[in-house]
N, C-alpha and C. Protein backbone atom coordinates (compact mmCIF):
# COMPACT_ATOMS: atom_id res chain seq x y z
N MET A 1 44.83 66.51 -169.16
CA MET A 1 45.03 67.92 -168.91
C MET A 1 43.55 68.42 -168.26
N SER A 2 42.55 68.21 -169.36
CA SER A 2 41.17 69.07 -169.19
C SER A 2 40.60 68.42 -168.02
N ALA A 3 40.95 67.67 -167.50
CA ALA A 3 40.12 67.36 -166.17
C ALA A 3 40.66 68.15 -164.74
N ALA A 4 42.09 68.28 -164.78
CA ALA A 4 42.92 68.82 -164.06
C ALA A 4 42.52 70.24 -164.09
N LEU A 5 42.47 70.94 -165.56
CA LEU A 5 42.02 72.06 -165.36
C LEU A 5 40.57 72.43 -165.34
N THR A 6 39.54 71.38 -165.11
CA THR A 6 38.49 71.45 -165.17
C THR A 6 38.36 71.63 -162.96
N ILE A 7 38.82 70.91 -162.33
CA ILE A 7 38.88 70.84 -161.53
C ILE A 7 39.47 72.37 -160.61
N VAL A 8 40.62 72.73 -161.19
CA VAL A 8 41.46 73.88 -160.82
C VAL A 8 40.14 75.18 -161.10
N LEU A 9 39.35 75.30 -162.42
CA LEU A 9 38.47 76.22 -162.54
C LEU A 9 37.34 76.14 -162.07
N THR A 10 36.84 75.12 -161.66
CA THR A 10 35.55 74.66 -160.56
C THR A 10 36.12 75.35 -159.35
N TRP A 11 37.18 74.97 -158.57
CA TRP A 11 37.45 75.12 -157.38
C TRP A 11 37.38 76.89 -157.21
N TRP A 12 38.46 77.49 -158.30
CA TRP A 12 38.19 78.92 -158.55
C TRP A 12 37.03 79.71 -158.15
N TRP A 13 36.03 78.77 -159.08
CA TRP A 13 34.57 79.64 -159.16
C TRP A 13 33.93 79.36 -157.74
N ASN A 14 33.99 78.37 -157.08
CA ASN A 14 33.36 78.06 -155.87
C ASN A 14 34.03 78.72 -154.61
N HIS A 15 35.16 79.41 -154.48
CA HIS A 15 35.80 79.73 -153.60
C HIS A 15 35.93 81.63 -153.80
N SER A 16 35.71 81.89 -154.75
CA SER A 16 36.10 83.41 -155.13
C SER A 16 35.26 83.67 -156.40
N PRO A 17 33.87 83.51 -156.61
CA PRO A 17 33.26 83.66 -157.78
C PRO A 17 33.83 85.18 -158.44
N PRO A 18 34.31 84.82 -159.64
CA PRO A 18 34.95 86.03 -160.63
C PRO A 18 33.31 86.29 -161.59
N SER A 19 34.15 87.08 -162.16
CA SER A 19 33.46 87.32 -163.57
C SER A 19 34.19 86.98 -165.14
N GLY A 20 33.57 86.90 -165.83
CA GLY A 20 34.30 86.66 -167.08
C GLY A 20 34.32 85.33 -167.43
N GLY A 21 33.36 84.41 -167.32
CA GLY A 21 33.29 83.21 -168.00
C GLY A 21 34.11 81.91 -167.25
N VAL A 22 34.58 82.16 -165.90
CA VAL A 22 35.16 80.90 -165.41
C VAL A 22 34.31 79.68 -165.30
N TYR A 23 33.06 79.72 -164.83
CA TYR A 23 32.19 79.14 -165.07
C TYR A 23 31.83 77.91 -166.33
N GLN A 24 32.08 79.32 -167.00
CA GLN A 24 31.92 78.64 -168.77
C GLN A 24 33.11 77.82 -169.05
N ALA A 25 34.48 78.32 -168.89
CA ALA A 25 35.43 77.69 -168.99
C ALA A 25 35.48 76.01 -168.46
N ALA A 26 35.29 76.03 -167.09
CA ALA A 26 35.01 74.85 -166.18
C ALA A 26 34.26 74.16 -166.73
N ALA A 27 33.13 74.59 -167.45
CA ALA A 27 32.05 73.39 -167.79
C ALA A 27 32.80 72.95 -169.18
N LEU A 28 33.02 73.80 -170.19
CA LEU A 28 33.70 73.26 -171.16
C LEU A 28 34.91 72.29 -171.14
N CYS A 29 35.93 72.42 -170.14
CA CYS A 29 36.97 71.46 -169.72
C CYS A 29 36.26 70.36 -169.27
N GLY A 30 35.42 70.50 -168.41
CA GLY A 30 34.59 69.38 -167.97
C GLY A 30 34.33 68.40 -169.16
N ALA A 31 33.34 69.09 -170.10
CA ALA A 31 32.98 68.31 -171.04
C ALA A 31 33.85 67.90 -172.19
N ALA A 32 34.73 68.34 -172.10
CA ALA A 32 35.97 67.88 -173.05
C ALA A 32 36.75 66.67 -172.16
N ALA A 33 36.85 66.49 -170.91
CA ALA A 33 37.56 65.38 -170.17
C ALA A 33 36.29 64.15 -170.33
N TYR A 34 35.16 64.61 -169.98
CA TYR A 34 33.77 63.29 -170.36
C TYR A 34 34.42 63.01 -171.75
N GLY A 35 34.26 63.51 -172.53
CA GLY A 35 34.12 63.23 -174.01
C GLY A 35 35.53 62.51 -174.16
N THR A 36 36.77 62.69 -173.82
CA THR A 36 37.84 62.06 -174.13
C THR A 36 37.43 61.10 -173.53
N GLY A 37 37.10 60.68 -172.19
CA GLY A 37 37.21 59.24 -171.21
C GLY A 37 36.35 58.47 -171.93
N PHE A 38 35.03 59.07 -172.69
CA PHE A 38 33.95 58.04 -173.19
C PHE A 38 34.99 57.98 -174.70
N LEU A 39 35.49 58.32 -175.46
CA LEU A 39 36.23 57.62 -176.37
C LEU A 39 37.21 56.65 -176.18
N LEU A 40 38.04 57.10 -175.20
CA LEU A 40 38.86 56.11 -174.57
C LEU A 40 38.26 55.01 -174.37
N PHE A 41 37.10 54.93 -173.62
CA PHE A 41 36.62 53.43 -173.07
C PHE A 41 35.81 52.63 -174.12
N THR A 42 35.55 53.71 -175.06
CA THR A 42 34.88 52.67 -176.39
C THR A 42 35.83 52.50 -177.45
N ARG A 43 36.88 52.95 -177.33
CA ARG A 43 38.17 52.75 -178.51
C ARG A 43 38.29 51.19 -178.52
N LYS A 44 38.56 50.81 -177.42
CA LYS A 44 39.10 49.14 -177.56
C LYS A 44 37.75 48.26 -177.48
N THR A 45 36.61 48.64 -177.52
CA THR A 45 35.47 47.98 -177.32
C THR A 45 34.83 47.75 -178.15
N ALA A 46 33.53 46.92 -178.38
CA ALA A 46 32.38 47.17 -179.91
C ALA A 46 30.98 47.29 -178.87
N ILE A 47 31.23 47.95 -177.88
CA ILE A 47 30.15 48.31 -176.99
C ILE A 47 29.06 49.24 -178.11
N PHE A 48 29.24 50.00 -178.80
CA PHE A 48 28.17 50.63 -179.60
C PHE A 48 28.35 50.82 -181.02
N GLU A 49 28.80 49.45 -181.36
CA GLU A 49 28.89 49.12 -182.91
C GLU A 49 27.68 49.05 -183.73
N ALA A 50 26.74 47.89 -183.14
CA ALA A 50 25.63 47.37 -183.34
C ALA A 50 24.64 48.73 -183.00
N LEU A 51 24.64 49.73 -181.72
CA LEU A 51 23.86 50.67 -181.89
C LEU A 51 23.76 51.80 -183.01
N GLY A 52 25.23 51.94 -183.08
CA GLY A 52 25.49 53.05 -184.18
C GLY A 52 25.07 52.73 -185.45
N ARG A 53 25.01 51.47 -186.11
CA ARG A 53 24.32 50.78 -187.29
C ARG A 53 23.09 50.58 -187.57
N MET A 54 22.54 50.85 -186.22
CA MET A 54 20.96 50.93 -186.34
C MET A 54 20.14 52.18 -185.67
N ALA A 55 21.06 53.16 -185.77
CA ALA A 55 20.84 54.75 -185.29
C ALA A 55 19.44 54.79 -185.37
N LEU A 56 18.91 54.82 -186.94
CA LEU A 56 17.72 55.51 -186.96
C LEU A 56 16.47 54.72 -186.24
N THR A 57 17.02 53.35 -186.32
CA THR A 57 15.64 52.38 -185.75
C THR A 57 15.79 52.73 -183.98
N ASN A 58 16.86 52.78 -184.04
CA ASN A 58 17.11 53.20 -182.25
C ASN A 58 16.51 54.13 -181.87
N TYR A 59 16.95 55.57 -182.04
CA TYR A 59 16.27 56.92 -181.80
C TYR A 59 14.63 56.63 -182.13
N LEU A 60 13.94 56.22 -183.18
CA LEU A 60 12.69 56.47 -183.10
C LEU A 60 11.92 55.30 -181.99
N THR A 61 12.46 54.44 -182.02
CA THR A 61 11.84 53.17 -181.08
C THR A 61 12.26 53.84 -179.25
N SER A 62 13.53 54.65 -179.41
CA SER A 62 13.41 55.11 -178.24
C SER A 62 12.62 56.50 -177.77
N THR A 63 11.94 56.94 -178.54
CA THR A 63 11.28 58.15 -178.50
C THR A 63 10.10 57.90 -178.30
N ALA A 64 9.71 56.41 -179.08
CA ALA A 64 8.29 55.76 -178.82
C ALA A 64 8.50 56.03 -177.46
N VAL A 65 9.24 54.80 -176.96
CA VAL A 65 9.19 54.25 -175.19
C VAL A 65 9.35 55.63 -174.35
N ILE A 66 9.61 56.77 -174.50
CA ILE A 66 9.47 57.83 -173.64
C ILE A 66 8.34 58.84 -173.61
N LEU A 67 7.74 58.89 -175.33
CA LEU A 67 6.68 59.25 -175.20
C LEU A 67 5.44 58.44 -174.39
N ALA A 68 5.57 57.03 -174.55
CA ALA A 68 4.67 56.17 -174.31
C ALA A 68 4.56 56.03 -172.56
N ALA A 69 5.62 56.56 -172.06
CA ALA A 69 5.96 56.54 -170.49
C ALA A 69 5.53 57.87 -169.84
N THR A 70 5.85 59.32 -170.82
CA THR A 70 5.73 60.38 -169.92
C THR A 70 4.57 60.13 -168.82
N PRO A 71 3.56 60.13 -169.07
CA PRO A 71 2.53 60.12 -167.81
C PRO A 71 3.36 59.58 -166.66
N LEU A 72 3.86 58.54 -166.54
CA LEU A 72 4.71 57.68 -165.59
C LEU A 72 6.11 58.26 -165.20
N LEU A 73 6.72 59.07 -165.93
CA LEU A 73 7.61 59.78 -165.94
C LEU A 73 7.43 61.30 -164.76
N ALA A 74 5.98 61.89 -165.52
CA ALA A 74 5.82 63.04 -164.67
C ALA A 74 5.59 63.01 -163.67
N ALA A 75 5.06 61.89 -163.33
CA ALA A 75 4.61 61.20 -161.54
C ALA A 75 5.91 61.37 -160.64
N ASP A 76 7.25 61.13 -161.26
CA ASP A 76 8.23 61.30 -160.50
C ASP A 76 9.10 62.28 -160.27
N ASP A 77 9.15 62.90 -159.14
CA ASP A 77 9.48 64.45 -159.12
C ASP A 77 11.21 64.38 -159.08
N THR A 78 11.76 63.07 -158.57
CA THR A 78 13.21 62.83 -158.41
C THR A 78 14.05 62.90 -159.73
N GLY A 79 13.34 62.44 -160.74
CA GLY A 79 14.13 62.00 -162.06
C GLY A 79 14.69 60.98 -162.40
N ALA A 80 14.51 60.08 -161.09
CA ALA A 80 15.23 58.75 -161.30
C ALA A 80 14.49 57.71 -161.91
N ALA A 81 13.39 58.11 -162.45
CA ALA A 81 12.68 56.95 -163.61
C ALA A 81 12.87 57.27 -164.90
N ILE A 82 13.33 58.65 -165.37
CA ILE A 82 13.61 58.75 -166.71
C ILE A 82 15.36 58.19 -166.84
N VAL A 83 15.92 57.95 -165.85
CA VAL A 83 17.14 57.41 -165.74
C VAL A 83 17.06 56.05 -165.94
N GLY A 84 16.30 55.47 -164.75
CA GLY A 84 16.15 54.30 -165.23
C GLY A 84 15.38 53.60 -166.73
N LEU A 85 14.59 54.66 -166.87
CA LEU A 85 14.18 53.82 -167.99
C LEU A 85 14.87 54.06 -169.25
N SER A 86 15.80 55.14 -169.33
CA SER A 86 16.87 55.09 -170.21
C SER A 86 17.72 54.56 -170.53
N ALA A 87 18.13 53.65 -168.85
CA ALA A 87 19.58 52.55 -169.06
C ALA A 87 18.73 51.59 -169.56
N VAL A 88 17.13 51.08 -169.26
CA VAL A 88 16.83 49.56 -169.63
C VAL A 88 16.56 50.00 -171.41
N ALA A 89 16.18 51.34 -171.85
CA ALA A 89 15.77 51.09 -173.34
C ALA A 89 17.17 50.92 -173.54
N LEU A 90 18.26 51.63 -173.54
CA LEU A 90 19.69 51.46 -174.18
C LEU A 90 20.17 50.01 -174.01
N ALA A 91 19.64 49.33 -173.11
CA ALA A 91 20.62 48.21 -172.81
C ALA A 91 19.47 47.17 -173.28
N ALA A 92 18.09 47.37 -173.67
CA ALA A 92 17.63 46.18 -174.65
C ALA A 92 17.36 46.62 -176.27
N GLN A 93 17.90 48.13 -176.41
CA GLN A 93 18.16 48.23 -178.22
C GLN A 93 20.02 47.80 -178.04
N ALA A 94 20.43 47.52 -177.36
CA ALA A 94 22.02 46.96 -177.52
C ALA A 94 21.77 45.53 -177.88
N ALA A 95 21.02 44.78 -177.02
CA ALA A 95 20.77 43.49 -177.20
C ALA A 95 20.07 43.34 -178.50
N PHE A 96 18.81 43.93 -178.66
CA PHE A 96 18.08 43.74 -180.08
C PHE A 96 18.83 44.19 -181.08
N SER A 97 19.90 45.15 -181.45
CA SER A 97 20.77 45.39 -182.29
C SER A 97 21.85 44.28 -182.48
N ARG A 98 22.64 43.94 -181.82
CA ARG A 98 23.72 42.80 -181.99
C ARG A 98 23.11 41.47 -182.42
N TRP A 99 21.52 41.23 -181.99
CA TRP A 99 20.60 40.27 -182.45
C TRP A 99 20.53 40.42 -183.90
N TRP A 100 19.64 41.72 -184.06
CA TRP A 100 19.32 41.90 -185.28
C TRP A 100 20.48 41.90 -186.17
N LEU A 101 21.45 42.65 -185.95
CA LEU A 101 23.02 42.62 -186.98
C LEU A 101 23.58 41.06 -187.48
N ALA A 102 23.22 40.33 -186.59
CA ALA A 102 23.62 39.00 -186.79
C ALA A 102 23.17 38.57 -187.79
N ARG A 103 21.98 38.57 -188.12
CA ARG A 103 21.00 37.72 -189.06
C ARG A 103 20.53 39.11 -190.43
N TYR A 104 20.89 40.21 -190.10
CA TYR A 104 20.76 41.50 -191.15
C TYR A 104 21.99 42.21 -191.29
N ARG A 105 21.71 42.80 -192.77
CA ARG A 105 22.85 43.73 -192.98
C ARG A 105 22.25 45.04 -192.11
N TYR A 106 21.24 45.56 -192.52
CA TYR A 106 20.95 46.31 -191.73
C TYR A 106 19.52 46.47 -191.07
N GLY A 107 19.61 47.62 -190.11
CA GLY A 107 18.27 47.71 -188.95
C GLY A 107 17.01 47.74 -190.14
N PRO A 108 15.84 47.46 -189.20
CA PRO A 108 14.62 47.38 -190.19
C PRO A 108 14.36 48.77 -190.69
N LEU A 109 14.53 49.80 -189.90
CA LEU A 109 14.03 51.34 -190.59
C LEU A 109 15.15 51.60 -191.62
N GLU A 110 16.78 51.02 -191.42
CA GLU A 110 17.80 51.79 -192.09
C GLU A 110 17.84 50.91 -193.52
N TRP A 111 16.61 49.60 -193.53
CA TRP A 111 16.49 48.90 -194.97
C TRP A 111 15.45 49.87 -195.51
N VAL A 112 14.41 50.02 -194.93
CA VAL A 112 13.22 51.21 -195.18
C VAL A 112 13.72 51.95 -196.14
N TRP A 113 14.80 52.71 -195.52
CA TRP A 113 15.55 54.17 -195.45
C TRP A 113 16.04 53.84 -197.05
N ARG A 114 16.94 52.70 -196.84
CA ARG A 114 18.20 52.52 -197.94
C ARG A 114 16.89 52.07 -199.36
N SER A 115 15.71 51.16 -198.94
CA SER A 115 15.51 50.65 -200.24
C SER A 115 14.57 52.15 -200.97
N LEU A 116 14.04 53.15 -200.12
CA LEU A 116 13.32 54.00 -200.62
C LEU A 116 14.43 55.02 -201.39
N THR A 117 15.29 55.21 -200.80
CA THR A 117 16.75 56.60 -201.28
C THR A 117 17.17 55.70 -202.71
N TRP A 118 16.79 54.18 -202.73
CA TRP A 118 17.44 53.75 -204.19
C TRP A 118 16.25 52.97 -205.27
N TRP A 119 15.07 53.59 -204.74
CA TRP A 119 13.89 53.44 -205.40
C TRP A 119 13.86 51.60 -205.97
N GLU A 120 14.38 50.58 -204.93
CA GLU A 120 14.39 49.18 -205.05
C GLU A 120 14.98 48.29 -203.46
N PRO A 121 13.89 47.16 -203.59
CA PRO A 121 14.18 46.78 -202.41
C PRO A 121 16.05 46.19 -202.35
N VAL A 122 16.41 46.26 -200.91
CA VAL A 122 17.76 45.99 -201.20
C VAL A 122 17.84 44.97 -200.50
N ARG A 123 18.96 43.84 -200.71
CA ARG A 123 18.89 42.74 -200.17
C ARG A 123 19.43 42.77 -198.71
N ASN A 124 18.78 42.12 -197.82
CA ASN A 124 19.10 42.70 -196.31
C ASN A 124 19.83 41.24 -195.36
N ARG A 125 19.21 40.16 -196.15
CA ARG A 125 19.84 39.07 -195.08
C ARG A 125 21.08 38.83 -195.48
N GLN A 126 21.90 38.35 -194.11
CA GLN A 126 23.15 38.14 -194.38
C GLN A 126 23.46 36.88 -194.59
N THR A 127 25.03 36.97 -195.55
CA THR A 127 25.19 35.63 -196.37
C THR A 127 25.63 34.56 -195.08
N GLY A 128 26.14 33.61 -195.59
CA GLY A 128 26.26 32.29 -194.69
C GLY A 128 27.66 31.94 -194.42
N THR A 129 28.80 32.94 -195.59
CA THR A 129 30.30 33.09 -194.93
C THR A 129 30.43 34.07 -194.14
N ARG A 130 30.09 34.34 -193.13
CA ARG A 130 30.36 35.41 -191.91
C ARG A 130 30.01 34.42 -190.55
N ASP A 131 31.04 35.27 -189.57
CA ASP A 131 31.30 34.95 -188.29
C ASP A 131 29.65 35.22 -187.60
N THR A 132 28.84 34.45 -187.37
CA THR A 132 27.15 34.46 -186.63
C THR A 132 27.58 35.05 -185.66
N ARG A 133 28.34 35.19 -184.55
CA ARG A 133 28.80 35.48 -183.33
C ARG A 133 28.92 36.91 -183.13
N SER A 134 29.47 37.61 -184.39
CA SER A 134 29.58 39.15 -184.51
C SER A 134 27.97 40.02 -185.25
N PRO A 135 28.30 40.90 -184.88
CA PRO A 135 26.92 41.80 -185.42
C PRO A 135 27.22 42.47 -186.23
N LEU A 136 28.57 42.18 -186.87
CA LEU A 136 29.11 43.17 -187.81
C LEU A 136 30.10 41.96 -189.20
N PRO A 137 30.02 42.27 -190.37
CA PRO A 137 30.58 41.99 -191.31
C PRO A 137 31.92 42.06 -191.14
N ASP A 138 32.20 40.64 -191.54
CA ASP A 138 33.75 40.74 -191.56
C ASP A 138 34.50 41.23 -192.94
N PRO A 139 35.25 42.47 -192.56
CA PRO A 139 35.58 43.41 -193.53
C PRO A 139 36.77 43.03 -194.48
N ARG A 140 37.40 41.66 -194.07
CA ARG A 140 38.28 40.59 -194.90
C ARG A 140 37.65 39.73 -195.64
N ARG A 141 36.29 39.90 -195.66
CA ARG A 141 35.71 38.53 -196.45
C ARG A 141 35.36 39.69 -197.85
N PRO A 142 35.95 38.48 -199.26
CA PRO A 142 35.52 39.45 -200.04
C PRO A 142 33.88 39.33 -200.64
N ARG A 143 33.38 40.27 -201.10
CA ARG A 143 32.06 40.75 -201.24
C ARG A 143 31.57 40.29 -202.56
N SER A 144 30.65 40.08 -203.18
CA SER A 144 30.15 39.35 -204.40
C SER A 144 29.89 41.08 -204.71
N GLU A 145 29.68 40.92 -206.22
CA GLU A 145 29.35 42.44 -206.60
C GLU A 145 28.03 42.99 -206.45
N ASP A 146 27.09 42.25 -206.17
CA ASP A 146 25.57 43.03 -205.53
C ASP A 146 25.85 43.31 -204.36
N GLU A 147 26.87 43.09 -203.55
CA GLU A 147 26.64 43.45 -201.97
C GLU A 147 26.99 44.91 -201.81
N PRO A 148 26.36 45.94 -201.38
CA PRO A 148 27.14 47.28 -201.13
C PRO A 148 28.43 46.99 -200.12
């Protein structure tokens, strides 16, 4: 519905630009259409689970990569370099996150944050009673009392 409304409002705005926020309404409907499509795409896949569990680590490492590449990105007038760098960084982070979470419960910076929050080191190593192909612990597996 929002995609169809986006098309109608955008056509209306392009052919007889009215006042009164038609462009803003079209943009809002377009954002809703993109958001809905993204949620429908990710609902049946586990693409972003590992990235989400290591959000702090991924955010800070991608910031460092972008800041380190700023001189190279400034030389590109088209903006294609930032899109390419972002895609490569996201793919590398997705692969690293899946690899890391197959071995540990928390990302490296998430572990530091949790340890500082609780004022004691938190066990981070995965136990041997899980599916090593999955980056996430099995929710059906009973946990010991010292596991969060």
